[in-house]
Amino acid sequence: MLQRILAIVQKEFSQTLRDRSTLAIMLTMPLIQLILFGYAININVRNIPTVVADQSRDDESRNFINAMVNSQYFRVVESVASQADVVQAIDAGRASAGIVIPPDYAAQIQRRNAQVLFLVDGSDLFTSQSAYSAANVIGEAYATQLILDEVDRAGQLASSQNLATLTTDLHILYNPDMKDLWFVIPGMAAMLLQTQTIVLTAAAVVREREVGTIEQILVTPIRPMEFMLGKIVPYLAIAMVNMLTVIGLGVFLFRVPFQGSFLLFIGLAFVYVFSGLGLGLLISTVSDNQRQAQQLIMLFTMVALVLGGFIFPRYTMPAVIRLVGNLFPLTYFVPISRGIITKGIGLPTLGTEVLSLLAYLVVVMFLAARTFRERLE
């Protein structure tokens, strides 16, 4: 029995060593994942992109903003005029938090009843939790420092009624109760769709090549792009049905509110699913066999899950890692899904993500068709 087992082991080793491209993928995949994930995964969220509406514009307001920035939890990316502009910047994804300082802030400090409005994007789990906690702690520390400064100036302890006070009024936008499923469902819908679309088509072309039917297709007048589209359509229908199922369960079973336009979501989900299927076809055309395709599927789905912004916010990642994340349609659809479902925003606000997704679809289909044609030649 041992001899027979050893014979099979020898056979498998021989086949594996002969397939050098698959062996290279198997050996380098853990290394690639470790490097990418090591730089991308950061549960201690800092430098949260923050938009500021400083309507006071004096030393007191600047001191408060500097206190937030010096904590390294917040990074001012834009200055706007009003609270509405702050909300618009958060809706558009340019910022994840906002600070609104009233026009009479300095006078409020003198009256010892100052109040600052702090807005947090409630569609992102890590950002909302980190920003909420940090704003509370920093606001209390700053208020305490104001009290100590006043005591120093007075040269004696004042009564608690006369001490300067500062209240940070925190609002979690879109998910005020911070319900976990409201965070998870929109991103999970995007993640599940990408995983399924890649798996559905990643073995399509390589399977035709392995069973020998590709030669029969070659004698027909069909063009590479037509062949790609013909491969995609059945899987496109399946993926769209699954997308409707996921969203339906999220809304009706888990009671996640759908705030935006359902028709807009369906249209953009169609483009997204098409892009994922195109990526799967590209994997299939560059793979020599189904085992190699399976290895690439595992690599792509795992990397996209971490770098696409579903779990960890992308602004915490180094620029090079964010560029790698741009190779996956999930990166563009996560803000679309969260924007429409959770925030209720429309096409004008999502313009950048929509154009990026459309460009991605064109590029990935072109590359799949070109690679298929080159492999045939």
Protein backbone atom coordinates (compact mmCIF):
# COMPACT_ATOMS: atom_id res chain seq x y z
CA MET A 1 0.00 0.00 0.00
CA LEU A 2 2.79 2.44 0.91
CA GLN A 3 4.44 1.81 -2.46
CA ARG A 4 1.22 2.69 -4.30
CA ILE A 5 0.82 5.87 -2.24
CA LEU A 6 4.42 6.87 -2.93
CA ALA A 7 3.83 6.31 -6.64
CA ILE A 8 0.88 8.71 -6.60
CA VAL A 9 2.91 11.25 -4.61
CA GLN A 10 5.73 11.03 -7.14
CA LYS A 11 3.26 11.51 -9.99
CA GLU A 12 1.70 14.60 -8.38
CA PHE A 13 5.10 16.13 -7.64
CA SER A 14 6.16 15.50 -11.22
CA GLN A 15 3.05 17.12 -12.67
CA THR A 16 3.30 20.08 -10.33
CA LEU A 17 6.96 20.72 -11.10
CA ARG A 18 6.32 20.54 -14.85
CA ASP A 19 3.59 23.17 -14.62
CA ARG A 20 5.98 25.94 -13.67
CA SER A 21 3.58 28.84 -14.11
CA THR A 22 1.05 27.34 -11.69
CA LEU A 23 3.85 26.44 -9.28
CA ALA A 24 5.12 30.03 -9.38
CA ILE A 25 1.63 31.34 -8.57
CA MET A 26 1.26 28.89 -5.67
CA LEU A 27 4.64 29.89 -4.19
CA THR A 28 4.34 33.66 -4.67
CA MET A 29 0.65 34.07 -3.73
CA PRO A 30 1.18 33.95 0.07
CA LEU A 31 4.07 36.41 -0.24
CA ILE A 32 2.03 38.85 -2.32
CA GLN A 33 -0.93 38.62 0.04
CA LEU A 34 1.25 39.12 3.12
CA ILE A 35 2.90 42.24 1.70
CA LEU A 36 -0.35 43.79 0.47
CA PHE A 37 -2.36 42.94 3.57
CA GLY A 38 0.45 44.01 5.90
CA TYR A 39 0.32 47.54 4.48
CA ALA A 40 -3.44 47.66 3.90
CA ILE A 41 -4.87 46.30 7.15
CA ASN A 42 -5.00 49.01 9.78
CA ILE A 43 -7.69 48.80 12.45
CA ASN A 44 -6.32 51.87 14.23
CA VAL A 45 -7.87 54.46 11.94
CA ARG A 46 -6.03 57.79 11.85
CA ASN A 47 -5.82 60.80 9.54
CA ILE A 48 -9.55 60.67 8.86
CA PRO A 49 -10.29 63.01 5.93
CA THR A 50 -12.14 65.93 7.47
CA VAL A 51 -13.90 68.92 5.94
CA VAL A 52 -14.18 72.09 8.04
CA ALA A 53 -16.74 74.89 7.97
CA ASP A 54 -15.06 77.51 10.17
CA GLN A 55 -17.64 80.29 10.25
CA SER A 56 -15.86 82.07 13.11
CA ARG A 57 -12.38 82.37 11.57
CA ASP A 58 -10.57 83.60 14.65
CA ASP A 59 -7.84 82.38 16.97
CA GLU A 60 -10.26 80.43 19.13
CA SER A 61 -11.68 78.42 16.22
CA ARG A 62 -8.23 77.83 14.72
CA ASN A 63 -7.01 76.54 18.08
CA PHE A 64 -9.84 74.02 18.19
CA ILE A 65 -9.13 72.82 14.63
CA ASN A 66 -5.42 72.55 15.40
CA ALA A 67 -6.23 70.44 18.45
CA MET A 68 -8.15 68.02 16.24
CA VAL A 69 -5.40 67.90 13.61
CA ASN A 70 -2.55 67.58 16.13
CA SER A 71 -4.21 64.48 17.57
CA GLN A 72 -3.39 62.79 14.21
CA TYR A 73 -6.88 61.32 14.11
CA PHE A 74 -8.18 63.98 11.73
CA ARG A 75 -6.73 65.48 8.56
CA VAL A 76 -8.32 68.59 7.09
CA VAL A 77 -8.76 68.05 3.35
CA GLU A 78 -11.12 70.91 2.53
CA SER A 79 -12.56 74.12 3.94
CA VAL A 80 -16.15 75.05 3.09
CA ALA A 81 -18.62 77.75 4.01
CA SER A 82 -21.59 76.00 5.61
CA GLN A 83 -22.98 72.85 7.20
CA ALA A 84 -24.72 71.96 3.94
CA ASP A 85 -21.36 72.04 2.16
CA VAL A 86 -19.90 69.75 4.82
CA VAL A 87 -22.69 67.20 4.30
CA GLN A 88 -22.23 67.44 0.52
CA ALA A 89 -18.49 66.73 0.85
CA ILE A 90 -19.21 63.68 3.01
CA ASP A 91 -21.89 62.50 0.55
CA ALA A 92 -19.42 62.76 -2.32
CA GLY A 93 -16.79 60.77 -0.42
CA ARG A 94 -14.28 63.64 -0.31
CA ALA A 95 -14.32 63.47 3.49
CA SER A 96 -15.40 61.06 6.19
CA ALA A 97 -15.97 63.62 8.95
CA GLY A 98 -16.91 67.27 9.20
CA ILE A 99 -16.52 70.09 11.73
CA VAL A 100 -18.92 73.04 11.81
CA ILE A 101 -17.86 75.99 13.99
CA PRO A 102 -20.57 78.68 14.47
CA PRO A 103 -19.93 82.36 13.60
CA ASP A 104 -20.06 83.47 17.24
CA TYR A 105 -17.75 80.73 18.53
CA ALA A 106 -15.33 83.18 20.18
CA ALA A 107 -18.20 84.94 21.91
CA GLN A 108 -19.54 81.59 23.08
CA ILE A 109 -16.15 80.79 24.57
CA GLN A 110 -16.31 84.07 26.47
CA ARG A 111 -19.83 83.22 27.66
CA ARG A 112 -18.56 79.76 28.65
CA ASN A 113 -21.14 77.84 26.62
CA ALA A 114 -19.42 77.12 23.28
CA GLN A 115 -20.72 74.35 21.03
CA VAL A 116 -19.17 72.76 17.95
CA LEU A 117 -21.00 70.45 15.54
CA PHE A 118 -19.13 67.29 14.52
CA LEU A 119 -20.53 65.16 11.67
CA VAL A 120 -19.37 61.61 10.91
CA ASP A 121 -19.98 59.41 7.86
CA GLY A 122 -22.13 56.61 9.23
CA SER A 123 -21.80 54.40 6.15
CA ASP A 124 -18.26 53.28 7.11
CA LEU A 125 -17.97 51.12 10.23
CA PHE A 126 -14.31 51.73 11.13
CA THR A 127 -14.43 55.44 10.36
CA SER A 128 -17.61 56.12 12.32
CA GLN A 129 -16.42 54.26 15.40
CA SER A 130 -12.94 55.79 15.38
CA ALA A 131 -14.12 59.32 14.60
CA TYR A 132 -16.86 59.21 17.22
CA SER A 133 -14.51 58.03 19.97
CA ALA A 134 -11.67 60.36 18.99
CA ALA A 135 -13.90 63.43 18.72
CA ASN A 136 -15.35 62.77 22.16
CA VAL A 137 -11.94 62.34 23.79
CA ILE A 138 -10.30 65.28 22.01
CA GLY A 139 -13.30 67.55 22.64
CA GLU A 140 -13.26 66.77 26.35
CA ALA A 141 -9.48 67.27 26.54
CA TYR A 142 -9.76 70.61 24.76
CA ALA A 143 -12.57 71.75 27.06
CA THR A 144 -10.46 70.77 30.06
CA GLN A 145 -7.53 72.75 28.68
CA LEU A 146 -9.77 75.82 28.31
CA ILE A 147 -10.72 75.49 31.96
CA LEU A 148 -7.10 75.16 33.05
CA ASP A 149 -6.11 78.17 30.97
CA GLU A 150 -8.85 80.26 32.55
CA VAL A 151 -7.79 79.16 36.02
CA ASP A 152 -4.20 80.13 35.22
CA ARG A 153 -5.29 83.55 34.01
CA ALA A 154 -7.45 84.09 37.08
CA GLY A 155 -4.65 82.97 39.35
CA GLN A 156 -7.06 81.06 41.52
CA LEU A 157 -9.62 78.28 41.29
CA ALA A 158 -12.97 79.46 40.04
CA SER A 159 -16.29 77.91 40.79
CA SER A 160 -17.57 75.30 38.36
CA GLN A 161 -20.31 77.68 37.23
CA ASN A 162 -17.79 80.24 36.03
CA LEU A 163 -15.49 77.83 34.19
CA ALA A 164 -15.36 77.85 30.40
CA THR A 165 -17.19 74.95 28.78
CA LEU A 166 -17.13 73.45 25.29
CA THR A 167 -19.62 70.90 24.03
CA THR A 168 -18.91 68.79 20.95
CA ASP A 169 -22.28 67.93 19.40
CA LEU A 170 -21.65 64.61 17.60
CA HIS A 171 -23.95 63.42 14.83
CA ILE A 172 -23.59 60.10 12.98
CA LEU A 173 -25.01 60.67 9.52
CA TYR A 174 -27.09 58.01 7.74
CA ASN A 175 -26.83 55.51 10.63
CA PRO A 176 -27.42 57.39 13.89
CA ASP A 177 -27.90 54.22 15.95
CA MET A 178 -24.74 52.66 14.43
CA LYS A 179 -26.52 49.41 13.53
CA ASP A 180 -24.00 46.88 12.26
CA LEU A 181 -26.13 45.55 9.40
CA TRP A 182 -26.60 49.03 7.98
CA PHE A 183 -22.82 49.14 7.61
CA VAL A 184 -22.40 45.60 6.34
CA ILE A 185 -25.18 44.88 3.83
CA PRO A 186 -24.30 47.48 1.11
CA GLY A 187 -20.62 46.48 1.10
CA MET A 188 -21.41 42.78 1.39
CA ALA A 189 -23.68 42.96 -1.66
CA ALA A 190 -20.78 44.42 -3.66
CA MET A 191 -18.31 41.85 -2.31
CA LEU A 192 -20.54 38.83 -2.97
CA LEU A 193 -21.29 39.97 -6.50
CA GLN A 194 -17.64 40.41 -7.40
CA THR A 195 -16.64 37.05 -5.94
CA GLN A 196 -19.40 35.29 -7.82
CA THR A 197 -18.83 37.02 -11.15
CA ILE A 198 -15.10 36.20 -11.12
CA VAL A 199 -15.76 32.57 -10.18
CA LEU A 200 -18.49 32.17 -12.82
CA THR A 201 -16.31 33.12 -15.78
CA ALA A 202 -12.70 32.59 -14.65
CA ALA A 203 -12.68 29.00 -15.93
CA ALA A 204 -14.83 29.61 -19.02
CA VAL A 205 -12.16 29.99 -21.72
CA VAL A 206 -9.59 27.70 -20.17
CA ARG A 207 -12.23 24.97 -19.91
CA GLU A 208 -12.96 25.30 -23.64
CA ARG A 209 -9.23 24.98 -24.28
CA GLU A 210 -8.81 21.92 -22.08
CA VAL A 211 -11.74 19.97 -23.56
CA GLY A 212 -10.71 20.87 -27.11
CA THR A 213 -13.85 22.76 -28.18
CA ILE A 214 -11.90 25.97 -28.72
CA GLU A 215 -10.67 24.65 -32.08
CA GLN A 216 -14.27 24.18 -33.24
CA ILE A 217 -15.06 27.76 -32.28
CA LEU A 218 -12.04 29.02 -34.22
CA VAL A 219 -13.38 27.77 -37.54
CA THR A 220 -16.47 29.92 -37.16
CA PRO A 221 -16.51 33.60 -38.22
CA ILE A 222 -16.99 34.74 -34.61
CA ARG A 223 -14.66 37.48 -33.37
CA PRO A 224 -12.87 37.48 -30.00
CA MET A 225 -15.06 40.26 -28.53
CA GLU A 226 -18.21 38.50 -29.74
CA PHE A 227 -16.99 35.29 -28.15
CA MET A 228 -16.34 37.15 -24.88
CA LEU A 229 -19.82 38.70 -24.88
CA GLY A 230 -21.43 35.36 -25.67
CA LYS A 231 -19.63 33.82 -22.72
CA ILE A 232 -20.72 36.59 -20.37
CA VAL A 233 -24.47 36.90 -21.07
CA PRO A 234 -25.71 33.73 -19.27
CA TYR A 235 -23.59 34.49 -16.22
CA LEU A 236 -24.72 38.11 -16.32
CA ALA A 237 -28.32 37.02 -15.93
CA ILE A 238 -27.44 34.72 -13.02
CA ALA A 239 -25.42 37.41 -11.25
CA MET A 240 -28.20 40.00 -11.59
CA VAL A 241 -30.75 37.58 -10.12
CA ASN A 242 -28.40 36.94 -7.20
CA MET A 243 -27.88 40.68 -6.74
CA LEU A 244 -31.64 41.23 -6.48
CA THR A 245 -31.85 38.37 -3.99
CA VAL A 246 -29.11 39.82 -1.78
CA ILE A 247 -30.59 43.32 -1.79
CA GLY A 248 -34.12 42.00 -1.25
CA LEU A 249 -33.04 39.96 1.77
CA GLY A 250 -31.12 42.92 3.17
CA VAL A 251 -34.09 45.27 2.88
CA PHE A 252 -37.01 43.00 3.79
CA LEU A 253 -35.40 40.44 6.11
CA PHE A 254 -32.73 42.51 7.87
CA ARG A 255 -34.64 45.83 7.63
CA VAL A 256 -31.79 47.79 6.09
CA PRO A 257 -33.32 50.99 4.65
CA PHE A 258 -32.82 51.61 0.93
CA GLN A 259 -32.52 55.39 0.77
CA GLY A 260 -31.75 56.07 -2.90
CA SER A 261 -33.02 55.27 -6.39
CA PHE A 262 -33.48 51.56 -6.96
CA LEU A 263 -33.42 51.97 -10.75
CA LEU A 264 -30.10 53.83 -10.57
CA PHE A 265 -28.69 51.09 -8.37
CA ILE A 266 -29.85 48.39 -10.81
CA GLY A 267 -28.27 50.20 -13.76
CA LEU A 268 -24.91 50.69 -12.04
CA ALA A 269 -25.00 47.15 -10.62
CA PHE A 270 -25.39 45.91 -14.20
CA VAL A 271 -22.19 47.74 -15.20
CA TYR A 272 -20.45 46.42 -12.08
CA VAL A 273 -21.47 42.83 -12.71
CA PHE A 274 -20.36 43.17 -16.34
CA SER A 275 -16.98 44.42 -15.13
CA GLY A 276 -16.56 41.51 -12.71
CA LEU A 277 -17.41 39.01 -15.44
CA GLY A 278 -14.89 40.72 -17.73
CA LEU A 279 -12.21 40.38 -15.04
CA GLY A 280 -13.08 36.70 -14.71
CA LEU A 281 -12.72 36.26 -18.47
CA LEU A 282 -9.35 38.01 -18.38
CA ILE A 283 -8.18 35.57 -15.70
CA SER A 284 -9.45 32.71 -17.84
CA THR A 285 -7.65 33.86 -20.97
CA VAL A 286 -4.26 34.19 -19.21
CA SER A 287 -4.56 30.84 -17.41
CA ASP A 288 -3.11 27.66 -18.92
CA ASN A 289 -5.36 25.29 -16.97
CA GLN A 290 -8.22 25.29 -14.50
CA ARG A 291 -5.96 24.78 -11.49
CA GLN A 292 -4.03 27.91 -12.40
CA ALA A 293 -7.31 29.77 -12.87
CA GLN A 294 -8.45 28.68 -9.40
CA GLN A 295 -5.23 29.98 -7.85
CA LEU A 296 -5.69 33.35 -9.54
CA ILE A 297 -9.34 33.48 -8.45
CA MET A 298 -8.28 32.98 -4.84
CA LEU A 299 -5.60 35.66 -5.12
CA PHE A 300 -7.83 38.23 -6.79
CA THR A 301 -10.85 37.75 -4.52
CA MET A 302 -8.80 37.91 -1.31
CA VAL A 303 -6.82 40.98 -2.39
CA ALA A 304 -9.94 42.77 -3.65
CA LEU A 305 -11.72 42.06 -0.36
CA VAL A 306 -9.01 43.85 1.64
CA LEU A 307 -7.98 46.59 -0.78
CA GLY A 308 -11.42 47.43 -2.17
CA GLY A 309 -12.64 49.35 0.89
CA PHE A 310 -15.27 46.82 1.99
CA ILE A 311 -13.66 46.21 5.39
CA PHE A 312 -10.84 48.73 5.86
CA PRO A 313 -11.06 52.37 4.72
CA ARG A 314 -8.81 53.02 1.74
CA TYR A 315 -7.56 56.41 2.97
CA THR A 316 -5.50 54.58 5.63
CA MET A 317 -3.58 52.66 2.97
CA PRO A 318 -0.32 53.80 1.30
CA ALA A 319 -0.70 55.29 -2.19
CA VAL A 320 0.89 52.26 -3.90
CA ILE A 321 -1.53 49.88 -2.17
CA ARG A 322 -4.47 52.06 -3.21
CA LEU A 323 -3.27 51.83 -6.83
CA VAL A 324 -3.30 48.03 -6.58
CA GLY A 325 -6.85 48.26 -5.25
CA ASN A 326 -7.84 50.16 -8.40
CA LEU A 327 -7.37 46.91 -10.35
CA PHE A 328 -10.68 45.58 -8.99
CA PRO A 329 -14.23 46.75 -9.77
CA LEU A 330 -15.15 46.32 -6.09
CA THR A 331 -13.13 49.46 -5.32
CA TYR A 332 -15.46 51.58 -7.46
CA PHE A 333 -18.74 49.91 -6.55
CA VAL A 334 -18.44 49.92 -2.75
CA PRO A 335 -18.89 53.74 -2.55
CA ILE A 336 -21.67 53.49 -5.15
CA SER A 337 -23.52 50.82 -3.17
CA ARG A 338 -23.10 52.62 0.15
CA GLY A 339 -23.90 55.95 -1.44
CA ILE A 340 -27.20 54.87 -2.99
CA ILE A 341 -28.41 52.42 -0.33
CA THR A 342 -27.25 54.16 2.86
CA LYS A 343 -26.89 57.83 1.91
CA GLY A 344 -29.54 58.13 -0.80
CA ILE A 345 -27.28 60.15 -3.11
CA GLY A 346 -27.66 60.29 -6.88
CA LEU A 347 -25.66 60.16 -10.08
CA PRO A 348 -24.19 63.71 -9.93
CA THR A 349 -22.53 62.96 -6.59
CA LEU A 350 -21.27 59.56 -7.76
CA GLY A 351 -19.88 60.85 -11.05
CA THR A 352 -16.24 59.95 -10.39
CA GLU A 353 -16.98 56.38 -9.32
CA VAL A 354 -19.41 55.79 -12.20
CA LEU A 355 -16.97 57.06 -14.83
CA SER A 356 -14.17 54.98 -13.29
CA LEU A 357 -16.35 51.88 -13.38
CA LEU A 358 -17.33 52.46 -17.02
CA ALA A 359 -13.68 52.98 -17.97
CA TYR A 360 -12.76 49.82 -16.08
CA LEU A 361 -15.38 47.83 -18.01
CA VAL A 362 -14.05 49.02 -21.38
CA VAL A 363 -10.42 48.33 -20.46
CA VAL A 364 -10.97 44.88 -18.96
CA MET A 365 -13.08 43.69 -21.90
CA PHE A 366 -10.51 45.03 -24.36
CA LEU A 367 -7.69 43.26 -22.53
CA ALA A 368 -9.65 40.00 -22.30
CA ALA A 369 -10.42 40.02 -26.03
CA ARG A 370 -6.86 40.98 -26.98
CA THR A 371 -5.27 38.38 -24.70
CA PHE A 372 -7.65 35.74 -26.04
CA ARG A 373 -6.69 36.60 -29.62
CA GLU A 374 -2.96 36.56 -28.82
CA ARG A 375 -3.21 33.19 -27.06
CA LEU A 376 -5.00 31.75 -30.08
CA GLU A 377 -2.26 32.98 -32.40
